[in-house]
Amino acid sequence: MKKNTSKFSKNDAAFTGLEAAIVLIAFVVVAAVFSYVMLGAGFFTSQKSKEVVHTGVSQATSSVELAGDVIGIGDADGGNCDYIKITLQLTAGNNPIDLSKTVISYRTSSAYNPSIWTYTTLYEDDSSATNSYKWVTTNQASAASADTLLEKNEKVEICMKLPAAQPGVNEKINLEIKPPAGATLTISGTLPPAIATTGVFNII
């Protein structure tokens, strides 16, 4: 008699479905991991791009700006400019700058000084104005207690004594204010056609 063994014959249908499911799950997991890696790389690149843009803007724009006129003071003999005064403040949105690390250079047609001013002593009048500064407005309790940082809402007046071969009437001068961060601020002006002895005048 023939035995009926068809119900015990090999049937791979269930195993094929299980294998397909495993392969599908593997693809989903790999796709998820790949997506996570790509998103992470995208976020990192976006953040770096943002930092580059902010750094570029910071380096391309000056941290300080002129607040008022450029003032000259004539020498004791008349005819030449002995001192120059400028008032500086922060540009909108910029971080505080350290005045002790700020360099100011000076140039005329016949002279150049790479560092005409150094952060030194506080002055209140022109008698002690050689390479000095004065806080016009400060966030500190008093000007005497102010630190070396030029911050928001503060203004500082800087006075520079010009070196030998002082510029005379109608001569053009250039000042470059170089803060520790940000672009250089260039100030150019021409002395007036007449300079009185110890007289005060605008450089335009």
N, C-alpha and C. Protein backbone atom coordinates (compact mmCIF):
# COMPACT_ATOMS: atom_id res chain seq x y z
N MET A 1 0.85 -1.19 0.00
CA MET A 1 0.00 0.00 0.00
C MET A 1 0.89 1.24 0.00
N LYS A 2 0.49 2.21 -0.83
CA LYS A 2 1.28 3.43 -0.96
C LYS A 2 1.02 4.36 0.21
N LYS A 3 2.11 4.80 0.80
CA LYS A 3 1.95 5.71 1.94
C LYS A 3 1.74 7.15 1.45
N ASN A 4 0.86 7.87 2.15
CA ASN A 4 0.58 9.28 1.81
C ASN A 4 1.51 10.17 2.63
N THR A 5 2.56 10.64 1.98
CA THR A 5 3.56 11.48 2.68
C THR A 5 3.60 12.90 2.12
N SER A 6 2.57 13.23 1.31
CA SER A 6 2.59 14.58 0.69
C SER A 6 2.50 15.70 1.72
N LYS A 7 1.80 15.42 2.81
CA LYS A 7 1.67 16.49 3.81
C LYS A 7 2.97 16.74 4.59
N PHE A 8 3.88 15.76 4.46
CA PHE A 8 5.17 15.94 5.12
C PHE A 8 6.26 16.38 4.14
N SER A 9 5.88 16.66 2.89
CA SER A 9 6.88 17.07 1.89
C SER A 9 7.43 18.44 2.23
N LYS A 10 8.63 18.76 1.70
CA LYS A 10 9.32 20.03 2.00
C LYS A 10 8.56 21.21 1.41
N ASN A 11 8.29 22.23 2.26
CA ASN A 11 7.57 23.44 1.83
C ASN A 11 8.34 24.65 2.36
N ASP A 12 8.95 25.43 1.44
CA ASP A 12 9.80 26.56 1.84
C ASP A 12 9.06 27.90 1.80
N ALA A 13 7.78 27.89 1.61
CA ALA A 13 7.05 29.16 1.47
C ALA A 13 7.20 30.04 2.71
N ALA A 14 7.04 29.47 3.87
CA ALA A 14 7.12 30.25 5.11
C ALA A 14 8.52 30.79 5.33
N PHE A 15 9.52 29.94 5.05
CA PHE A 15 10.90 30.39 5.22
C PHE A 15 11.24 31.50 4.24
N THR A 16 10.73 31.44 3.03
CA THR A 16 10.99 32.49 2.04
C THR A 16 10.41 33.82 2.50
N GLY A 17 9.22 33.79 3.06
CA GLY A 17 8.61 35.01 3.59
C GLY A 17 9.42 35.59 4.74
N LEU A 18 9.90 34.73 5.62
CA LEU A 18 10.71 35.17 6.75
C LEU A 18 12.02 35.79 6.28
N GLU A 19 12.64 35.18 5.31
CA GLU A 19 13.89 35.73 4.77
C GLU A 19 13.66 37.10 4.14
N ALA A 20 12.54 37.20 3.40
CA ALA A 20 12.21 38.49 2.79
C ALA A 20 12.01 39.57 3.85
N ALA A 21 11.34 39.18 4.95
CA ALA A 21 11.11 40.14 6.04
C ALA A 21 12.43 40.57 6.67
N ILE A 22 13.33 39.61 6.87
CA ILE A 22 14.64 39.94 7.46
C ILE A 22 15.42 40.89 6.56
N VAL A 23 15.41 40.60 5.26
CA VAL A 23 16.11 41.48 4.31
C VAL A 23 15.50 42.87 4.31
N LEU A 24 14.15 42.94 4.36
CA LEU A 24 13.47 44.24 4.38
C LEU A 24 13.84 45.04 5.63
N ILE A 25 13.84 44.33 6.77
CA ILE A 25 14.21 45.00 8.03
C ILE A 25 15.65 45.50 7.97
N ALA A 26 16.54 44.67 7.38
CA ALA A 26 17.94 45.08 7.26
C ALA A 26 18.06 46.34 6.41
N PHE A 27 17.30 46.39 5.30
CA PHE A 27 17.33 47.58 4.45
C PHE A 27 16.82 48.81 5.20
N VAL A 28 15.73 48.62 5.97
CA VAL A 28 15.17 49.74 6.74
C VAL A 28 16.17 50.25 7.77
N VAL A 29 16.83 49.31 8.48
CA VAL A 29 17.82 49.71 9.49
C VAL A 29 18.98 50.43 8.85
N VAL A 30 19.49 49.89 7.73
CA VAL A 30 20.61 50.54 7.04
C VAL A 30 20.21 51.93 6.55
N ALA A 31 18.99 52.02 6.01
CA ALA A 31 18.51 53.33 5.52
C ALA A 31 18.38 54.32 6.67
N ALA A 32 17.89 53.84 7.83
CA ALA A 32 17.74 54.73 8.99
C ALA A 32 19.09 55.22 9.48
N VAL A 33 20.06 54.30 9.57
CA VAL A 33 21.40 54.69 10.01
C VAL A 33 22.03 55.68 9.02
N PHE A 34 21.88 55.38 7.73
CA PHE A 34 22.43 56.27 6.71
C PHE A 34 21.78 57.65 6.78
N SER A 35 20.46 57.65 6.96
CA SER A 35 19.75 58.94 7.08
C SER A 35 20.23 59.72 8.28
N TYR A 36 20.42 59.02 9.40
CA TYR A 36 20.92 59.69 10.62
C TYR A 36 22.29 60.30 10.39
N VAL A 37 23.16 59.53 9.74
CA VAL A 37 24.51 60.02 9.46
C VAL A 37 24.46 61.23 8.53
N MET A 38 23.63 61.15 7.49
CA MET A 38 23.52 62.26 6.54
C MET A 38 22.93 63.50 7.20
N LEU A 39 21.92 63.30 8.05
CA LEU A 39 21.33 64.45 8.75
C LEU A 39 22.35 65.08 9.70
N GLY A 40 23.09 64.20 10.41
CA GLY A 40 24.12 64.73 11.31
C GLY A 40 25.17 65.51 10.56
N ALA A 41 25.61 64.99 9.42
CA ALA A 41 26.59 65.71 8.61
C ALA A 41 26.01 67.02 8.09
N GLY A 42 24.72 66.99 7.73
CA GLY A 42 24.08 68.21 7.25
C GLY A 42 23.99 69.27 8.33
N PHE A 43 23.58 68.86 9.54
CA PHE A 43 23.52 69.81 10.65
C PHE A 43 24.90 70.37 10.98
N PHE A 44 25.92 69.50 10.97
CA PHE A 44 27.28 69.95 11.26
C PHE A 44 27.75 70.95 10.20
N THR A 45 27.49 70.63 8.93
CA THR A 45 27.89 71.54 7.85
C THR A 45 27.16 72.86 7.94
N SER A 46 25.87 72.80 8.26
CA SER A 46 25.08 74.03 8.40
C SER A 46 25.61 74.90 9.53
N GLN A 47 25.96 74.28 10.67
CA GLN A 47 26.50 75.02 11.79
C GLN A 47 27.84 75.65 11.44
N LYS A 48 28.70 74.88 10.76
CA LYS A 48 29.99 75.42 10.36
C LYS A 48 29.83 76.57 9.38
N SER A 49 28.88 76.43 8.45
CA SER A 49 28.63 77.50 7.49
C SER A 49 28.17 78.77 8.20
N LYS A 50 27.32 78.58 9.21
CA LYS A 50 26.85 79.72 10.00
C LYS A 50 28.01 80.41 10.71
N GLU A 51 28.91 79.59 11.30
CA GLU A 51 30.07 80.15 11.99
C GLU A 51 30.98 80.90 11.02
N VAL A 52 31.15 80.33 9.82
CA VAL A 52 32.00 80.98 8.82
C VAL A 52 31.41 82.33 8.42
N VAL A 53 30.08 82.36 8.22
CA VAL A 53 29.43 83.62 7.85
C VAL A 53 29.60 84.66 8.93
N HIS A 54 29.36 84.26 10.20
CA HIS A 54 29.50 85.21 11.31
C HIS A 54 30.94 85.69 11.44
N THR A 55 31.89 84.76 11.30
CA THR A 55 33.30 85.14 11.38
C THR A 55 33.68 86.07 10.25
N GLY A 56 33.19 85.76 9.06
CA GLY A 56 33.49 86.62 7.91
C GLY A 56 32.94 88.02 8.07
N VAL A 57 31.70 88.11 8.55
CA VAL A 57 31.11 89.43 8.79
C VAL A 57 31.89 90.18 9.86
N SER A 58 32.27 89.45 10.92
CA SER A 58 33.03 90.08 12.01
C SER A 58 34.38 90.61 11.53
N GLN A 59 35.05 89.82 10.66
CA GLN A 59 36.36 90.23 10.18
C GLN A 59 36.27 91.30 9.11
N ALA A 60 35.17 91.31 8.37
CA ALA A 60 35.03 92.26 7.26
C ALA A 60 34.54 93.63 7.72
N THR A 61 33.93 93.70 8.89
CA THR A 61 33.43 94.97 9.38
C THR A 61 34.22 95.40 10.61
N SER A 62 34.38 96.69 10.75
CA SER A 62 35.15 97.19 11.89
C SER A 62 34.33 97.11 13.16
N SER A 63 35.02 96.87 14.28
CA SER A 63 34.35 96.79 15.57
C SER A 63 34.11 98.17 16.17
N VAL A 64 34.83 99.18 15.67
CA VAL A 64 34.71 100.53 16.21
C VAL A 64 34.35 101.51 15.09
N GLU A 65 33.79 102.63 15.50
CA GLU A 65 33.47 103.69 14.56
C GLU A 65 33.74 105.04 15.20
N LEU A 66 33.87 106.04 14.35
CA LEU A 66 34.13 107.39 14.83
C LEU A 66 32.85 107.98 15.38
N ALA A 67 32.93 108.59 16.55
CA ALA A 67 31.78 109.23 17.18
C ALA A 67 32.09 110.72 17.34
N GLY A 68 31.85 111.48 16.30
CA GLY A 68 32.16 112.90 16.36
C GLY A 68 33.23 113.29 15.36
N ASP A 69 33.76 114.48 15.55
CA ASP A 69 34.74 115.04 14.63
C ASP A 69 36.16 114.59 14.98
N VAL A 70 37.04 114.77 13.99
CA VAL A 70 38.47 114.60 14.22
C VAL A 70 39.03 115.99 14.55
N ILE A 71 39.58 116.11 15.75
CA ILE A 71 40.02 117.41 16.26
C ILE A 71 41.54 117.51 16.22
N GLY A 72 42.05 118.64 15.75
CA GLY A 72 43.47 118.92 15.77
C GLY A 72 43.80 120.06 16.72
N ILE A 73 45.00 120.04 17.27
CA ILE A 73 45.48 121.11 18.15
C ILE A 73 46.80 121.59 17.61
N GLY A 74 46.91 122.91 17.40
CA GLY A 74 48.12 123.48 16.84
C GLY A 74 49.29 123.45 17.81
N ASP A 75 50.50 123.54 17.26
CA ASP A 75 51.69 123.54 18.12
C ASP A 75 51.95 124.92 18.69
N ALA A 76 52.98 125.01 19.54
CA ALA A 76 53.26 126.27 20.23
C ALA A 76 53.73 127.37 19.29
N ASP A 77 54.28 126.99 18.17
CA ASP A 77 54.77 127.99 17.23
C ASP A 77 53.74 128.36 16.16
N GLY A 78 52.70 127.58 16.04
CA GLY A 78 51.68 127.84 15.03
C GLY A 78 52.11 127.31 13.67
N GLY A 79 51.12 126.92 12.87
CA GLY A 79 51.41 126.46 11.52
C GLY A 79 51.43 124.95 11.36
N ASN A 80 51.62 124.20 12.46
CA ASN A 80 51.64 122.74 12.40
C ASN A 80 50.64 122.14 13.38
N CYS A 81 50.28 120.90 13.14
CA CYS A 81 49.36 120.17 14.03
C CYS A 81 50.18 119.39 15.05
N ASP A 82 49.91 119.62 16.33
CA ASP A 82 50.67 119.00 17.40
C ASP A 82 49.97 117.75 17.94
N TYR A 83 48.66 117.81 18.12
CA TYR A 83 47.87 116.71 18.65
C TYR A 83 46.67 116.42 17.75
N ILE A 84 46.19 115.19 17.82
CA ILE A 84 44.93 114.81 17.18
C ILE A 84 44.08 114.09 18.21
N LYS A 85 42.80 114.45 18.24
CA LYS A 85 41.84 113.80 19.14
C LYS A 85 40.72 113.16 18.32
N ILE A 86 40.39 111.94 18.69
CA ILE A 86 39.24 111.26 18.09
C ILE A 86 38.43 110.60 19.19
N THR A 87 37.13 110.44 18.96
CA THR A 87 36.26 109.74 19.90
C THR A 87 35.72 108.50 19.23
N LEU A 88 35.85 107.36 19.90
CA LEU A 88 35.45 106.07 19.34
C LEU A 88 34.33 105.44 20.14
N GLN A 89 33.52 104.64 19.45
CA GLN A 89 32.50 103.83 20.08
C GLN A 89 32.36 102.53 19.30
N LEU A 90 31.70 101.55 19.89
CA LEU A 90 31.48 100.28 19.21
C LEU A 90 30.46 100.45 18.09
N THR A 91 30.63 99.69 17.01
CA THR A 91 29.58 99.63 15.99
C THR A 91 28.45 98.74 16.51
N ALA A 92 27.26 98.91 15.94
CA ALA A 92 26.07 98.20 16.42
C ALA A 92 26.28 96.69 16.34
N GLY A 93 25.98 96.01 17.44
CA GLY A 93 26.00 94.55 17.46
C GLY A 93 27.36 93.92 17.68
N ASN A 94 28.41 94.70 17.82
CA ASN A 94 29.74 94.13 17.98
C ASN A 94 30.08 93.91 19.45
N ASN A 95 30.99 92.99 19.69
CA ASN A 95 31.43 92.67 21.04
C ASN A 95 32.42 93.71 21.54
N PRO A 96 32.60 93.81 22.85
CA PRO A 96 33.57 94.76 23.41
C PRO A 96 34.97 94.51 22.87
N ILE A 97 35.76 95.57 22.75
CA ILE A 97 37.15 95.44 22.32
C ILE A 97 38.07 95.94 23.43
N ASP A 98 39.25 95.37 23.45
CA ASP A 98 40.24 95.72 24.47
C ASP A 98 41.10 96.86 23.93
N LEU A 99 40.99 98.03 24.55
CA LEU A 99 41.75 99.18 24.09
C LEU A 99 43.25 98.99 24.29
N SER A 100 43.62 98.19 25.29
CA SER A 100 45.05 97.98 25.54
C SER A 100 45.71 97.18 24.43
N LYS A 101 44.90 96.51 23.59
CA LYS A 101 45.44 95.74 22.47
C LYS A 101 45.13 96.39 21.13
N THR A 102 44.61 97.59 21.17
CA THR A 102 44.28 98.33 19.95
C THR A 102 45.48 99.14 19.50
N VAL A 103 45.77 99.09 18.21
CA VAL A 103 46.92 99.80 17.64
C VAL A 103 46.42 100.89 16.70
N ILE A 104 47.03 102.06 16.77
CA ILE A 104 46.68 103.16 15.87
C ILE A 104 47.94 103.59 15.13
N SER A 105 47.89 103.54 13.82
CA SER A 105 49.03 103.97 13.00
C SER A 105 48.70 105.30 12.35
N TYR A 106 49.75 106.01 11.94
CA TYR A 106 49.61 107.38 11.43
C TYR A 106 50.48 107.53 10.18
N ARG A 107 49.91 108.20 9.17
CA ARG A 107 50.66 108.36 7.92
C ARG A 107 50.34 109.73 7.29
N THR A 108 51.41 110.36 6.78
CA THR A 108 51.27 111.54 5.93
C THR A 108 52.12 111.29 4.68
N SER A 109 52.21 112.30 3.83
CA SER A 109 53.01 112.15 2.62
C SER A 109 54.49 112.01 2.93
N SER A 110 54.91 112.44 4.13
CA SER A 110 56.34 112.42 4.44
C SER A 110 56.69 111.64 5.70
N ALA A 111 55.70 111.09 6.39
CA ALA A 111 55.99 110.40 7.66
C ALA A 111 55.04 109.22 7.84
N TYR A 112 55.54 108.23 8.60
CA TYR A 112 54.71 107.07 8.95
C TYR A 112 55.12 106.57 10.31
N ASN A 113 54.13 106.31 11.16
CA ASN A 113 54.36 105.75 12.48
C ASN A 113 53.40 104.58 12.67
N PRO A 114 53.92 103.35 12.80
CA PRO A 114 53.03 102.18 12.88
C PRO A 114 52.25 102.09 14.17
N SER A 115 52.67 102.79 15.20
CA SER A 115 51.96 102.75 16.48
C SER A 115 52.13 104.10 17.17
N ILE A 116 51.20 104.99 16.87
CA ILE A 116 51.32 106.36 17.38
C ILE A 116 50.70 106.52 18.76
N TRP A 117 49.91 105.53 19.17
CA TRP A 117 49.19 105.65 20.45
C TRP A 117 49.27 104.34 21.21
N THR A 118 49.45 104.47 22.53
CA THR A 118 49.46 103.30 23.42
C THR A 118 48.53 103.58 24.59
N TYR A 119 47.75 102.60 24.96
CA TYR A 119 46.83 102.74 26.09
C TYR A 119 47.65 102.95 27.36
N THR A 120 47.61 104.18 27.88
CA THR A 120 48.47 104.50 29.03
C THR A 120 47.68 105.15 30.16
N THR A 121 47.66 106.48 30.18
CA THR A 121 47.13 107.18 31.34
C THR A 121 45.84 107.93 31.03
N LEU A 122 45.02 108.08 32.06
CA LEU A 122 43.80 108.87 31.96
C LEU A 122 44.15 110.35 32.00
N TYR A 123 43.49 111.13 31.17
CA TYR A 123 43.72 112.57 31.24
C TYR A 123 42.39 113.30 31.30
N GLU A 124 42.41 114.45 31.86
CA GLU A 124 41.20 115.27 31.95
C GLU A 124 41.36 116.62 31.27
N ASP A 125 42.57 116.95 30.88
CA ASP A 125 42.79 118.22 30.17
C ASP A 125 43.93 118.04 29.18
N ASP A 126 44.15 119.03 28.35
CA ASP A 126 45.15 118.92 27.29
C ASP A 126 46.58 119.00 27.80
N SER A 127 46.78 119.40 29.04
CA SER A 127 48.14 119.54 29.55
C SER A 127 48.83 118.19 29.70
N SER A 128 48.04 117.11 29.83
CA SER A 128 48.63 115.78 29.96
C SER A 128 48.11 114.86 28.86
N ALA A 129 47.95 115.42 27.67
CA ALA A 129 47.25 114.71 26.61
C ALA A 129 48.13 113.81 25.77
N THR A 130 49.41 113.72 26.07
CA THR A 130 50.31 112.93 25.22
C THR A 130 49.92 111.46 25.23
N ASN A 131 49.50 110.98 24.07
CA ASN A 131 49.16 109.55 23.91
C ASN A 131 48.28 109.06 25.05
N SER A 132 47.15 109.71 25.24
CA SER A 132 46.30 109.41 26.38
C SER A 132 44.87 109.13 25.93
N TYR A 133 44.01 108.92 26.90
CA TYR A 133 42.61 108.67 26.61
C TYR A 133 41.74 109.24 27.73
N LYS A 134 40.48 109.41 27.42
CA LYS A 134 39.52 109.88 28.42
C LYS A 134 38.17 109.24 28.13
N TRP A 135 37.54 108.69 29.17
CA TRP A 135 36.21 108.12 28.98
C TRP A 135 35.19 109.24 28.89
N VAL A 136 34.51 109.34 27.75
CA VAL A 136 33.45 110.32 27.59
C VAL A 136 32.19 109.82 28.28
N THR A 137 31.85 108.56 28.03
CA THR A 137 30.78 107.87 28.76
C THR A 137 31.28 106.47 29.09
N THR A 138 30.92 105.99 30.26
CA THR A 138 31.36 104.66 30.69
C THR A 138 30.26 103.98 31.47
N ASN A 139 30.24 102.66 31.42
CA ASN A 139 29.26 101.87 32.18
C ASN A 139 29.71 101.65 33.62
N GLN A 140 30.94 102.03 33.93
CA GLN A 140 31.47 101.83 35.27
C GLN A 140 30.99 102.93 36.21
N ALA A 141 31.26 102.74 37.50
CA ALA A 141 30.83 103.73 38.50
C ALA A 141 31.47 105.09 38.25
N SER A 142 32.71 105.08 37.79
CA SER A 142 33.42 106.33 37.48
C SER A 142 34.45 106.04 36.41
N ALA A 143 34.93 107.11 35.77
CA ALA A 143 35.95 106.94 34.73
C ALA A 143 37.23 106.37 35.31
N ALA A 144 37.54 106.73 36.55
CA ALA A 144 38.77 106.27 37.17
C ALA A 144 38.75 104.76 37.42
N SER A 145 37.55 104.18 37.59
CA SER A 145 37.46 102.75 37.88
C SER A 145 37.16 101.93 36.62
N ALA A 146 37.11 102.56 35.47
CA ALA A 146 36.78 101.85 34.23
C ALA A 146 37.91 100.90 33.84
N ASP A 147 37.54 99.78 33.20
CA ASP A 147 38.54 98.83 32.74
C ASP A 147 39.02 99.20 31.35
N THR A 148 39.72 98.28 30.69
CA THR A 148 40.29 98.58 29.38
C THR A 148 39.36 98.21 28.23
N LEU A 149 38.15 97.76 28.54
CA LEU A 149 37.22 97.34 27.49
C LEU A 149 36.32 98.48 27.06
N LEU A 150 36.22 98.67 25.76
CA LEU A 150 35.24 99.59 25.20
C LEU A 150 33.99 98.77 24.92
N GLU A 151 32.90 99.09 25.64
CA GLU A 151 31.69 98.29 25.58
C GLU A 151 30.54 99.10 25.01
N LYS A 152 29.39 98.43 24.88
CA LYS A 152 28.19 99.08 24.35
C LYS A 152 27.84 100.29 25.21
N ASN A 153 27.44 101.36 24.54
CA ASN A 153 27.03 102.63 25.18
C ASN A 153 28.20 103.40 25.78
N GLU A 154 29.43 102.95 25.54
CA GLU A 154 30.60 103.69 26.03
C GLU A 154 31.27 104.44 24.88
N LYS A 155 31.89 105.56 25.23
CA LYS A 155 32.67 106.32 24.27
C LYS A 155 34.00 106.70 24.92
N VAL A 156 35.06 106.62 24.14
CA VAL A 156 36.38 106.96 24.66
C VAL A 156 37.03 107.98 23.72
N GLU A 157 37.61 109.00 24.31
CA GLU A 157 38.34 110.01 23.54
C GLU A 157 39.83 109.70 23.61
N ILE A 158 40.45 109.62 22.46
CA ILE A 158 41.87 109.29 22.37
C ILE A 158 42.61 110.50 21.84
N CYS A 159 43.71 110.81 22.50
CA CYS A 159 44.54 111.95 22.08
C CYS A 159 45.93 111.43 21.73
N MET A 160 46.42 111.83 20.57
CA MET A 160 47.72 111.38 20.07
C MET A 160 48.61 112.57 19.77
N LYS A 161 49.81 112.53 20.31
CA LYS A 161 50.80 113.55 19.97
C LYS A 161 51.53 113.10 18.71
N LEU A 162 51.55 113.99 17.73
CA LEU A 162 52.16 113.63 16.46
C LEU A 162 53.68 113.68 16.55
N PRO A 163 54.36 112.79 15.84
CA PRO A 163 55.83 112.74 15.91
C PRO A 163 56.46 113.92 15.19
N ALA A 164 57.78 113.93 15.19
CA ALA A 164 58.52 115.01 14.50
C ALA A 164 58.11 115.06 13.04
N ALA A 165 58.40 116.20 12.42
CA ALA A 165 57.92 116.48 11.06
C ALA A 165 56.40 116.51 11.06
N GLN A 166 55.87 117.32 12.00
CA GLN A 166 54.42 117.42 12.14
C GLN A 166 53.79 117.99 10.87
N PRO A 167 52.58 117.52 10.56
CA PRO A 167 51.93 118.01 9.34
C PRO A 167 51.55 119.48 9.44
N GLY A 168 51.63 120.15 8.31
CA GLY A 168 51.30 121.57 8.27
C GLY A 168 49.99 121.83 7.55
N VAL A 169 49.76 123.06 7.21
CA VAL A 169 48.49 123.47 6.60
C VAL A 169 48.26 122.73 5.29
N ASN A 170 47.00 122.42 5.05
CA ASN A 170 46.53 121.75 3.83
C ASN A 170 47.14 120.36 3.61
N GLU A 171 47.76 119.80 4.65
CA GLU A 171 48.37 118.48 4.48
C GLU A 171 47.36 117.39 4.85
N LYS A 172 47.40 116.31 4.09
CA LYS A 172 46.49 115.21 4.32
C LYS A 172 47.11 114.22 5.29
N ILE A 173 46.28 113.71 6.22
CA ILE A 173 46.74 112.71 7.19
C ILE A 173 45.81 111.50 7.15
N ASN A 174 46.35 110.36 7.53
CA ASN A 174 45.58 109.12 7.61
C ASN A 174 45.85 108.44 8.94
N LEU A 175 44.79 108.01 9.59
CA LEU A 175 44.89 107.23 10.82
C LEU A 175 44.24 105.87 10.57
N GLU A 176 44.86 104.81 11.08
CA GLU A 176 44.29 103.47 10.98
C GLU A 176 44.14 102.89 12.38
N ILE A 177 42.89 102.67 12.79
CA ILE A 177 42.61 102.08 14.10
C ILE A 177 42.45 100.58 13.90
N LYS A 178 43.31 99.81 14.55
CA LYS A 178 43.34 98.36 14.36
C LYS A 178 42.98 97.67 15.68
N PRO A 179 41.69 97.34 15.87
CA PRO A 179 41.29 96.62 17.08
C PRO A 179 41.77 95.18 17.03
N PRO A 180 41.78 94.49 18.17
CA PRO A 180 42.23 93.09 18.18
C PRO A 180 41.36 92.17 17.34
N ALA A 181 40.09 92.55 17.10
CA ALA A 181 39.20 91.76 16.25
C ALA A 181 38.42 92.70 15.35
N GLY A 182 38.21 92.27 14.11
CA GLY A 182 37.47 93.11 13.17
C GLY A 182 38.40 93.84 12.22
N ALA A 183 37.79 94.46 11.22
CA ALA A 183 38.56 95.16 10.20
C ALA A 183 39.11 96.48 10.73
N THR A 184 40.10 96.98 10.03
CA THR A 184 40.72 98.25 10.39
C THR A 184 39.80 99.41 10.03
N LEU A 185 39.70 100.38 10.93
CA LEU A 185 38.95 101.60 10.65
C LEU A 185 39.94 102.66 10.18
N THR A 186 39.74 103.17 8.96
CA THR A 186 40.63 104.18 8.39
C THR A 186 39.97 105.55 8.46
N ILE A 187 40.70 106.51 8.96
CA ILE A 187 40.22 107.89 9.05
C ILE A 187 41.17 108.77 8.26
N SER A 188 40.64 109.49 7.31
CA SER A 188 41.45 110.39 6.49
C SER A 188 40.92 111.81 6.62
N GLY A 189 41.81 112.76 6.59
CA GLY A 189 41.41 114.16 6.68
C GLY A 189 42.50 115.10 6.20
N THR A 190 42.12 116.33 5.99
CA THR A 190 43.05 117.36 5.52
C THR A 190 43.07 118.51 6.51
N LEU A 191 44.25 118.97 6.84
CA LEU A 191 44.38 120.09 7.78
C LEU A 191 43.90 121.38 7.12
N PRO A 192 43.43 122.32 7.91
CA PRO A 192 42.91 123.58 7.36
C PRO A 192 44.03 124.45 6.78
N PRO A 193 43.69 125.48 6.01
CA PRO A 193 44.70 126.35 5.40
C PRO A 193 45.41 127.28 6.39
N ALA A 194 44.94 127.33 7.63
CA ALA A 194 45.61 128.14 8.65
C ALA A 194 45.47 127.45 10.00
N ILE A 195 46.58 127.39 10.76
CA ILE A 195 46.60 126.76 12.08
C ILE A 195 47.16 127.74 13.08
N ALA A 196 46.33 128.15 14.04
CA ALA A 196 46.76 129.11 15.04
C ALA A 196 47.59 128.41 16.11
N THR A 197 48.35 129.21 16.85
CA THR A 197 49.16 128.68 17.94
C THR A 197 48.28 128.03 19.01
N THR A 198 48.53 126.77 19.27
CA THR A 198 47.74 125.95 20.22
C THR A 198 46.23 126.04 19.93
N GLY A 199 45.89 126.39 18.73
CA GLY A 199 44.47 126.50 18.35
C GLY A 199 43.85 125.15 18.13
N VAL A 200 42.54 125.06 18.35
CA VAL A 200 41.77 123.84 18.16
C VAL A 200 40.96 123.96 16.88
N PHE A 201 40.99 122.93 16.04
CA PHE A 201 40.32 122.99 14.75
C PHE A 201 39.86 121.59 14.34
N ASN A 202 38.92 121.56 13.39
CA ASN A 202 38.44 120.30 12.85
C ASN A 202 39.28 119.87 11.66
N ILE A 203 39.57 118.59 11.59
CA ILE A 203 40.26 118.03 10.44
C ILE A 203 39.20 117.38 9.56
N ILE A 204 39.08 117.84 8.33
CA ILE A 204 37.99 117.35 7.46
C ILE A 204 38.56 116.77 6.17
